[in-house]
Protein backbone atom coordinates (compact mmCIF):
# COMPACT_ATOMS: atom_id res chain seq x y z
CA MET A 1 12.22 -8.17 7.16
CA ASN A 2 15.76 -6.86 6.88
CA THR A 3 15.76 -3.04 7.05
CA SER A 4 18.03 -2.85 3.99
CA ASP A 5 15.42 -4.66 1.85
CA PRO A 6 13.18 -2.34 -0.16
CA ILE A 7 9.50 -2.30 0.76
CA THR A 8 7.33 -3.82 -1.95
CA ILE A 9 3.67 -3.34 -2.78
CA ARG A 10 3.13 -6.87 -1.47
CA ASP A 11 4.59 -5.78 1.89
CA VAL A 12 2.12 -2.90 2.05
CA TYR A 13 -0.87 -4.97 0.90
CA PRO A 14 -0.14 -8.57 1.92
CA GLY A 15 -3.75 -9.73 1.39
CA PHE A 16 -4.02 -8.51 -2.21
CA THR A 17 -4.28 -10.88 -5.14
CA GLY A 18 -1.74 -10.67 -7.97
CA GLU A 19 -4.15 -8.58 -10.03
CA GLN A 20 -4.82 -6.20 -7.14
CA LEU A 21 -1.07 -5.84 -6.55
CA GLN A 22 -0.55 -4.94 -10.22
CA GLN A 23 -3.33 -2.36 -10.02
CA ALA A 24 -1.92 -0.90 -6.78
CA GLU A 25 1.55 -0.64 -8.29
CA ALA A 26 0.21 1.04 -11.44
CA THR A 27 -1.74 3.52 -9.30
CA PHE A 28 1.34 4.24 -7.20
CA ARG A 29 3.46 4.84 -10.31
CA ARG A 30 0.84 7.28 -11.69
CA TYR A 31 0.79 9.08 -8.33
CA ILE A 32 4.58 9.42 -8.33
CA ALA A 33 4.50 10.70 -11.93
CA VAL A 34 2.00 13.40 -10.93
CA MET A 35 4.11 14.41 -7.92
CA VAL A 36 7.20 14.69 -10.12
CA ARG A 37 5.31 16.86 -12.63
CA ILE A 38 4.07 19.13 -9.83
CA TYR A 39 7.60 19.47 -8.42
CA GLU A 40 9.06 20.23 -11.86
CA ARG A 41 6.35 22.80 -12.63
CA VAL A 42 6.79 24.57 -9.28
CA ARG A 43 10.54 24.62 -9.84
CA ALA A 44 10.17 26.01 -13.38
CA GLU A 45 7.55 28.62 -12.48
CA GLU A 46 8.59 29.65 -8.98
CA GLY A 47 12.26 28.71 -8.80
CA PRO A 48 14.40 26.25 -6.87
CA GLU A 49 13.57 27.77 -3.47
CA ALA A 50 9.84 27.07 -3.94
CA ALA A 51 10.61 23.56 -5.15
CA THR A 52 12.66 22.94 -2.01
CA ARG A 53 9.80 24.24 0.17
CA LEU A 54 7.44 21.94 -1.73
CA ALA A 55 9.71 18.97 -1.09
CA TYR A 56 9.64 19.74 2.64
CA SER A 57 5.87 20.44 2.68
CA ASP A 58 6.50 24.08 3.53
CA LEU A 59 4.94 26.12 0.71
CA THR A 60 3.12 28.56 2.92
CA LEU A 61 4.94 31.61 4.11
CA SER A 62 4.36 32.68 7.67
CA GLY A 63 1.86 35.49 7.87
CA SER A 64 0.45 34.75 4.43
CA CYS A 65 -3.25 34.34 3.77
CA SER A 66 -4.62 30.99 2.65
CA THR A 67 -7.93 32.39 1.42
CA ILE A 68 -8.74 31.78 -2.22
CA HIS A 69 -10.41 34.92 -3.53
CA PHE A 70 -13.28 34.55 -5.97
CA GLU A 71 -13.56 30.84 -5.14
CA ARG A 72 -16.68 29.15 -6.40
CA SER A 73 -18.28 26.81 -3.96
CA LYS A 74 -21.33 24.62 -3.85
CA GLN A 75 -22.74 26.92 -1.17
CA ASN A 76 -22.52 29.94 -3.50
CA GLU A 77 -24.06 28.02 -6.41
CA ASP A 78 -27.16 27.18 -4.38
CA LYS A 79 -28.05 30.85 -3.86
């Protein structure tokens, strides 16, 4: 494959039938739509800097806590 050619769903899933390829492409398009909505929401609510950190997978600030306070969990529900 020439490196300038775009990668297709068929390239990723060469053994899929036509129907499976259509389903995979539809799923991929929905996934991309969700990612775009997340990016746009972060940008609108937190500003361009946060959106840039999101794009580079760097949303956590060093020294920040990743604990979710008041989180419900299955473990807590069993008690």
